[in-house]
Amino acid sequence: MSKSFVSSLTSSLHEVVKEFLNQPLKKVYPFLLSDILFIKVREASRVVSKAFHVVLGINEGGQREVLSIIIKDTGSHESWKETYTSLQSRGLNDVNMVISDSHLGEVKAIKEYFVGVSW
């Protein structure tokens, strides 16, 4: 694949992803699953590791749906705050349980944004 093909593909996907990340969440998702995948990204002519945050929701019918993706430098408390703020502003509510690893920043954000929810 040529660089220009990848660039044009990336440009067209940018709008699709932006639309996906801003769509209202109209369903109820009693269960959330969150995690980070570390991926290699080309940035300023070098390859660096980035934290790819993924949040899945399990709706009332038991189906899993990707609710959010975000790429940040680290899996910090601040990056999880941004992720959960975005989900709540899009209409996420009525969460009963969040399932995640025990990374301190993530757990702290879960306790802040989902008060009274099982973790």
N, C-alpha and C. Protein backbone atom coordinates (compact mmCIF):
# COMPACT_ATOMS: atom_id res chain seq x y z
N MET A 1 0.83 -1.17 0.00
CA MET A 1 0.00 0.00 0.00
C MET A 1 0.88 1.24 0.00
N SER A 2 0.45 2.21 -0.75
CA SER A 2 1.22 3.45 -0.81
C SER A 2 0.84 4.37 0.35
N LYS A 3 1.73 5.32 0.63
CA LYS A 3 1.46 6.29 1.69
C LYS A 3 0.23 7.12 1.36
N SER A 4 0.07 7.49 0.10
CA SER A 4 -1.07 8.33 -0.28
C SER A 4 -2.39 7.59 -0.12
N PHE A 5 -2.40 6.27 -0.40
CA PHE A 5 -3.61 5.49 -0.22
C PHE A 5 -4.00 5.43 1.26
N VAL A 6 -3.02 5.17 2.10
CA VAL A 6 -3.27 5.11 3.54
C VAL A 6 -3.74 6.47 4.05
N SER A 7 -3.13 7.55 3.59
CA SER A 7 -3.55 8.90 4.00
C SER A 7 -4.98 9.19 3.59
N SER A 8 -5.35 8.83 2.37
CA SER A 8 -6.72 9.10 1.92
C SER A 8 -7.72 8.25 2.70
N LEU A 9 -7.36 7.02 2.98
CA LEU A 9 -8.22 6.14 3.77
C LEU A 9 -8.40 6.69 5.18
N THR A 10 -7.32 7.12 5.78
CA THR A 10 -7.35 7.69 7.13
C THR A 10 -8.21 8.94 7.17
N SER A 11 -8.08 9.79 6.17
CA SER A 11 -8.87 11.02 6.12
C SER A 11 -10.36 10.72 6.06
N SER A 12 -10.75 9.75 5.25
CA SER A 12 -12.17 9.44 5.13
C SER A 12 -12.69 8.76 6.40
N LEU A 13 -11.87 7.99 7.07
CA LEU A 13 -12.28 7.33 8.31
C LEU A 13 -12.39 8.31 9.47
N HIS A 14 -11.64 9.38 9.42
CA HIS A 14 -11.64 10.35 10.51
C HIS A 14 -13.06 10.87 10.78
N GLU A 15 -13.79 11.21 9.75
CA GLU A 15 -15.15 11.72 9.91
C GLU A 15 -16.10 10.64 10.43
N VAL A 16 -15.93 9.41 9.97
CA VAL A 16 -16.78 8.31 10.44
C VAL A 16 -16.57 8.07 11.93
N VAL A 17 -15.32 8.06 12.35
CA VAL A 17 -14.99 7.85 13.76
C VAL A 17 -15.51 9.02 14.61
N LYS A 18 -15.33 10.24 14.12
CA LYS A 18 -15.81 11.42 14.84
C LYS A 18 -17.33 11.35 15.03
N GLU A 19 -18.04 10.96 13.99
CA GLU A 19 -19.50 10.82 14.09
C GLU A 19 -19.87 9.74 15.11
N PHE A 20 -19.17 8.60 15.05
CA PHE A 20 -19.42 7.50 15.99
C PHE A 20 -19.22 7.95 17.43
N LEU A 21 -18.14 8.69 17.69
CA LEU A 21 -17.80 9.10 19.05
C LEU A 21 -18.70 10.21 19.59
N ASN A 22 -19.50 10.79 18.73
CA ASN A 22 -20.41 11.86 19.16
C ASN A 22 -21.88 11.46 19.12
N GLN A 23 -22.17 10.25 18.67
CA GLN A 23 -23.58 9.85 18.59
C GLN A 23 -24.16 9.63 19.97
N PRO A 24 -25.41 10.06 20.17
CA PRO A 24 -26.05 9.86 21.48
C PRO A 24 -26.21 8.38 21.81
N LEU A 25 -26.08 8.06 23.08
CA LEU A 25 -26.29 6.69 23.55
C LEU A 25 -27.73 6.61 24.07
N LYS A 26 -28.58 6.01 23.30
CA LYS A 26 -30.01 5.98 23.63
C LYS A 26 -30.41 4.72 24.38
N LYS A 27 -29.60 3.68 24.31
CA LYS A 27 -29.91 2.43 25.00
C LYS A 27 -29.38 2.48 26.44
N VAL A 28 -29.84 1.54 27.23
CA VAL A 28 -29.33 1.37 28.59
C VAL A 28 -28.26 0.28 28.54
N TYR A 29 -27.13 0.55 29.16
CA TYR A 29 -26.02 -0.40 29.22
C TYR A 29 -25.72 -0.67 30.69
N PRO A 30 -26.34 -1.70 31.26
CA PRO A 30 -26.12 -1.99 32.69
C PRO A 30 -24.68 -2.40 33.01
N PHE A 31 -23.96 -2.92 32.02
CA PHE A 31 -22.60 -3.41 32.25
C PHE A 31 -21.64 -2.75 31.27
N LEU A 32 -20.50 -2.31 31.81
CA LEU A 32 -19.42 -1.77 30.98
C LEU A 32 -18.18 -2.63 31.16
N LEU A 33 -17.44 -2.82 30.09
CA LEU A 33 -16.14 -3.47 30.13
C LEU A 33 -15.15 -2.48 29.56
N SER A 34 -14.08 -2.19 30.29
CA SER A 34 -13.11 -1.22 29.80
C SER A 34 -11.70 -1.79 29.91
N ASP A 35 -10.88 -1.38 28.95
CA ASP A 35 -9.50 -1.85 28.95
C ASP A 35 -8.67 -0.95 28.06
N ILE A 36 -7.37 -1.16 28.12
CA ILE A 36 -6.43 -0.44 27.27
C ILE A 36 -5.61 -1.47 26.50
N LEU A 37 -5.44 -1.19 25.24
CA LEU A 37 -4.51 -1.94 24.40
C LEU A 37 -3.38 -0.97 24.05
N PHE A 38 -2.16 -1.40 24.19
CA PHE A 38 -1.06 -0.53 23.81
C PHE A 38 -0.70 -0.83 22.36
N ILE A 39 -0.70 0.23 21.55
CA ILE A 39 -0.46 0.09 20.12
C ILE A 39 0.72 0.98 19.71
N LYS A 40 1.33 0.64 18.62
CA LYS A 40 2.42 1.44 18.07
C LYS A 40 1.83 2.41 17.05
N VAL A 41 2.22 3.68 17.18
CA VAL A 41 1.70 4.74 16.33
C VAL A 41 2.86 5.56 15.79
N ARG A 42 2.78 5.91 14.50
CA ARG A 42 3.80 6.78 13.94
C ARG A 42 3.45 8.22 14.29
N GLU A 43 4.39 8.89 14.94
CA GLU A 43 4.18 10.26 15.39
C GLU A 43 5.47 11.04 15.21
N ALA A 44 5.41 12.12 14.43
CA ALA A 44 6.58 12.97 14.20
C ALA A 44 7.79 12.15 13.73
N SER A 45 7.57 11.34 12.73
CA SER A 45 8.63 10.54 12.09
C SER A 45 9.25 9.47 12.99
N ARG A 46 8.55 9.07 14.03
CA ARG A 46 9.03 7.98 14.88
C ARG A 46 7.85 7.14 15.32
N VAL A 47 8.12 5.96 15.80
CA VAL A 47 7.07 5.07 16.26
C VAL A 47 7.06 5.08 17.79
N VAL A 48 5.88 5.35 18.36
CA VAL A 48 5.74 5.43 19.82
C VAL A 48 4.57 4.55 20.26
N SER A 49 4.59 4.19 21.52
CA SER A 49 3.51 3.40 22.10
C SER A 49 2.43 4.34 22.63
N LYS A 50 1.17 4.02 22.32
CA LYS A 50 0.03 4.82 22.79
C LYS A 50 -0.98 3.89 23.46
N ALA A 51 -1.78 4.47 24.33
CA ALA A 51 -2.82 3.72 25.05
C ALA A 51 -4.14 3.87 24.30
N PHE A 52 -4.63 2.78 23.78
CA PHE A 52 -5.89 2.74 23.03
C PHE A 52 -6.98 2.28 24.00
N HIS A 53 -7.77 3.23 24.50
CA HIS A 53 -8.82 2.95 25.47
C HIS A 53 -10.05 2.42 24.72
N VAL A 54 -10.62 1.36 25.23
CA VAL A 54 -11.82 0.77 24.63
C VAL A 54 -12.85 0.55 25.74
N VAL A 55 -14.08 0.99 25.49
CA VAL A 55 -15.17 0.74 26.42
C VAL A 55 -16.30 0.04 25.66
N LEU A 56 -16.65 -1.14 26.15
CA LEU A 56 -17.78 -1.89 25.60
C LEU A 56 -18.94 -1.79 26.57
N GLY A 57 -20.13 -1.72 26.03
CA GLY A 57 -21.33 -1.77 26.85
C GLY A 57 -22.09 -3.04 26.55
N ILE A 58 -22.68 -3.62 27.56
CA ILE A 58 -23.58 -4.76 27.35
C ILE A 58 -24.98 -4.23 27.60
N ASN A 59 -25.80 -4.25 26.54
CA ASN A 59 -27.13 -3.67 26.66
C ASN A 59 -28.09 -4.62 27.37
N GLU A 60 -29.32 -4.19 27.55
CA GLU A 60 -30.30 -4.99 28.29
C GLU A 60 -30.65 -6.29 27.58
N GLY A 61 -30.38 -6.36 26.28
CA GLY A 61 -30.61 -7.59 25.53
C GLY A 61 -29.43 -8.55 25.57
N GLY A 62 -28.35 -8.13 26.28
CA GLY A 62 -27.17 -8.98 26.42
C GLY A 62 -26.16 -8.85 25.29
N GLN A 63 -26.37 -7.91 24.38
CA GLN A 63 -25.43 -7.73 23.27
C GLN A 63 -24.34 -6.73 23.63
N ARG A 64 -23.13 -7.05 23.21
CA ARG A 64 -21.99 -6.16 23.44
C ARG A 64 -21.91 -5.14 22.30
N GLU A 65 -21.62 -3.91 22.67
CA GLU A 65 -21.45 -2.85 21.68
C GLU A 65 -20.26 -1.99 22.08
N VAL A 66 -19.46 -1.60 21.09
CA VAL A 66 -18.37 -0.67 21.36
C VAL A 66 -18.99 0.70 21.57
N LEU A 67 -18.73 1.31 22.72
CA LEU A 67 -19.28 2.62 23.04
C LEU A 67 -18.27 3.73 22.83
N SER A 68 -17.00 3.43 23.07
CA SER A 68 -15.99 4.47 22.98
C SER A 68 -14.63 3.89 22.68
N ILE A 69 -13.87 4.65 21.91
CA ILE A 69 -12.45 4.38 21.70
C ILE A 69 -11.74 5.73 21.77
N ILE A 70 -10.58 5.73 22.31
CA ILE A 70 -9.80 6.97 22.39
C ILE A 70 -8.33 6.58 22.52
N ILE A 71 -7.48 7.32 21.86
CA ILE A 71 -6.04 7.07 21.93
C ILE A 71 -5.39 8.21 22.71
N LYS A 72 -4.66 7.85 23.75
CA LYS A 72 -3.96 8.81 24.60
C LYS A 72 -2.53 8.33 24.82
N ASP A 73 -1.70 9.21 25.36
CA ASP A 73 -0.31 8.84 25.63
C ASP A 73 -0.20 7.75 26.68
N THR A 74 -1.06 7.80 27.70
CA THR A 74 -1.00 6.84 28.79
C THR A 74 -2.42 6.44 29.21
N GLY A 75 -2.49 5.48 30.10
CA GLY A 75 -3.76 5.08 30.68
C GLY A 75 -3.96 5.75 32.02
N SER A 76 -3.81 7.04 32.07
CA SER A 76 -3.86 7.79 33.32
C SER A 76 -5.28 8.05 33.80
N HIS A 77 -5.37 8.53 35.01
CA HIS A 77 -6.64 8.95 35.58
C HIS A 77 -7.29 10.00 34.67
N GLU A 78 -6.51 10.94 34.18
CA GLU A 78 -7.03 12.01 33.32
C GLU A 78 -7.60 11.45 32.02
N SER A 79 -6.93 10.47 31.43
CA SER A 79 -7.44 9.91 30.17
C SER A 79 -8.76 9.16 30.39
N TRP A 80 -8.88 8.47 31.52
CA TRP A 80 -10.13 7.77 31.82
C TRP A 80 -11.23 8.77 32.17
N LYS A 81 -10.88 9.86 32.85
CA LYS A 81 -11.88 10.90 33.13
C LYS A 81 -12.46 11.43 31.83
N GLU A 82 -11.59 11.70 30.87
CA GLU A 82 -12.04 12.20 29.57
C GLU A 82 -12.96 11.18 28.89
N THR A 83 -12.60 9.93 28.96
CA THR A 83 -13.41 8.86 28.36
C THR A 83 -14.79 8.80 29.00
N TYR A 84 -14.84 8.75 30.32
CA TYR A 84 -16.12 8.61 31.01
C TYR A 84 -16.96 9.88 30.94
N THR A 85 -16.34 11.04 30.93
CA THR A 85 -17.07 12.30 30.76
C THR A 85 -17.77 12.31 29.40
N SER A 86 -17.06 11.89 28.38
CA SER A 86 -17.63 11.83 27.04
C SER A 86 -18.83 10.89 26.99
N LEU A 87 -18.69 9.71 27.58
CA LEU A 87 -19.79 8.74 27.58
C LEU A 87 -21.02 9.29 28.30
N GLN A 88 -20.80 9.92 29.44
CA GLN A 88 -21.94 10.47 30.19
C GLN A 88 -22.58 11.64 29.44
N SER A 89 -21.79 12.45 28.78
CA SER A 89 -22.36 13.57 28.02
C SER A 89 -23.16 13.08 26.82
N ARG A 90 -22.85 11.88 26.35
CA ARG A 90 -23.60 11.29 25.23
C ARG A 90 -24.85 10.56 25.71
N GLY A 91 -25.06 10.47 27.02
CA GLY A 91 -26.29 9.89 27.55
C GLY A 91 -26.14 8.59 28.30
N LEU A 92 -24.91 8.16 28.57
CA LEU A 92 -24.73 6.91 29.33
C LEU A 92 -25.22 7.10 30.76
N ASN A 93 -26.11 6.23 31.20
CA ASN A 93 -26.58 6.23 32.58
C ASN A 93 -27.10 4.84 32.93
N ASP A 94 -27.53 4.67 34.14
CA ASP A 94 -28.08 3.40 34.62
C ASP A 94 -27.09 2.24 34.50
N VAL A 95 -25.82 2.52 34.76
CA VAL A 95 -24.79 1.47 34.77
C VAL A 95 -24.84 0.78 36.12
N ASN A 96 -24.80 -0.54 36.12
CA ASN A 96 -24.81 -1.32 37.36
C ASN A 96 -23.43 -1.85 37.74
N MET A 97 -22.60 -2.14 36.72
CA MET A 97 -21.30 -2.73 37.01
C MET A 97 -20.29 -2.33 35.92
N VAL A 98 -19.08 -2.03 36.37
CA VAL A 98 -17.98 -1.76 35.45
C VAL A 98 -16.92 -2.83 35.69
N ILE A 99 -16.50 -3.47 34.63
CA ILE A 99 -15.49 -4.52 34.71
C ILE A 99 -14.22 -3.99 34.04
N SER A 100 -13.11 -4.00 34.79
CA SER A 100 -11.86 -3.48 34.26
C SER A 100 -10.69 -4.13 34.98
N ASP A 101 -9.49 -3.80 34.49
CA ASP A 101 -8.28 -4.15 35.22
C ASP A 101 -8.21 -3.26 36.45
N SER A 102 -7.23 -3.49 37.29
CA SER A 102 -7.13 -2.71 38.52
C SER A 102 -6.09 -1.59 38.43
N HIS A 103 -5.96 -0.99 37.25
CA HIS A 103 -5.05 0.15 37.13
C HIS A 103 -5.58 1.30 37.98
N LEU A 104 -4.72 1.88 38.80
CA LEU A 104 -5.15 2.87 39.79
C LEU A 104 -5.90 4.05 39.19
N GLY A 105 -5.40 4.60 38.08
CA GLY A 105 -6.07 5.75 37.47
C GLY A 105 -7.44 5.41 36.95
N GLU A 106 -7.57 4.24 36.38
CA GLU A 106 -8.86 3.81 35.86
C GLU A 106 -9.85 3.55 36.99
N VAL A 107 -9.42 2.86 38.02
CA VAL A 107 -10.30 2.56 39.15
C VAL A 107 -10.76 3.85 39.82
N LYS A 108 -9.85 4.81 39.98
CA LYS A 108 -10.21 6.09 40.58
C LYS A 108 -11.28 6.80 39.74
N ALA A 109 -11.12 6.80 38.42
CA ALA A 109 -12.10 7.44 37.53
C ALA A 109 -13.44 6.72 37.58
N ILE A 110 -13.42 5.40 37.65
CA ILE A 110 -14.67 4.63 37.74
C ILE A 110 -15.42 5.03 39.01
N LYS A 111 -14.71 5.11 40.12
CA LYS A 111 -15.35 5.46 41.39
C LYS A 111 -15.90 6.88 41.39
N GLU A 112 -15.25 7.78 40.64
CA GLU A 112 -15.72 9.16 40.54
C GLU A 112 -16.94 9.30 39.65
N TYR A 113 -16.94 8.60 38.53
CA TYR A 113 -17.98 8.78 37.51
C TYR A 113 -19.16 7.83 37.65
N PHE A 114 -18.97 6.75 38.35
CA PHE A 114 -20.04 5.77 38.50
C PHE A 114 -20.24 5.47 39.99
N VAL A 115 -20.63 6.48 40.72
CA VAL A 115 -20.79 6.38 42.17
C VAL A 115 -21.85 5.33 42.49
N GLY A 116 -21.49 4.42 43.40
CA GLY A 116 -22.41 3.38 43.84
C GLY A 116 -22.50 2.17 42.92
N VAL A 117 -21.74 2.19 41.84
CA VAL A 117 -21.77 1.08 40.87
C VAL A 117 -20.76 0.02 41.30
N SER A 118 -21.09 -1.24 41.11
CA SER A 118 -20.14 -2.32 41.42
C SER A 118 -18.98 -2.28 40.44
N TRP A 119 -17.79 -2.57 40.96
CA TRP A 119 -16.61 -2.65 40.11
C TRP A 119 -16.01 -4.02 40.24
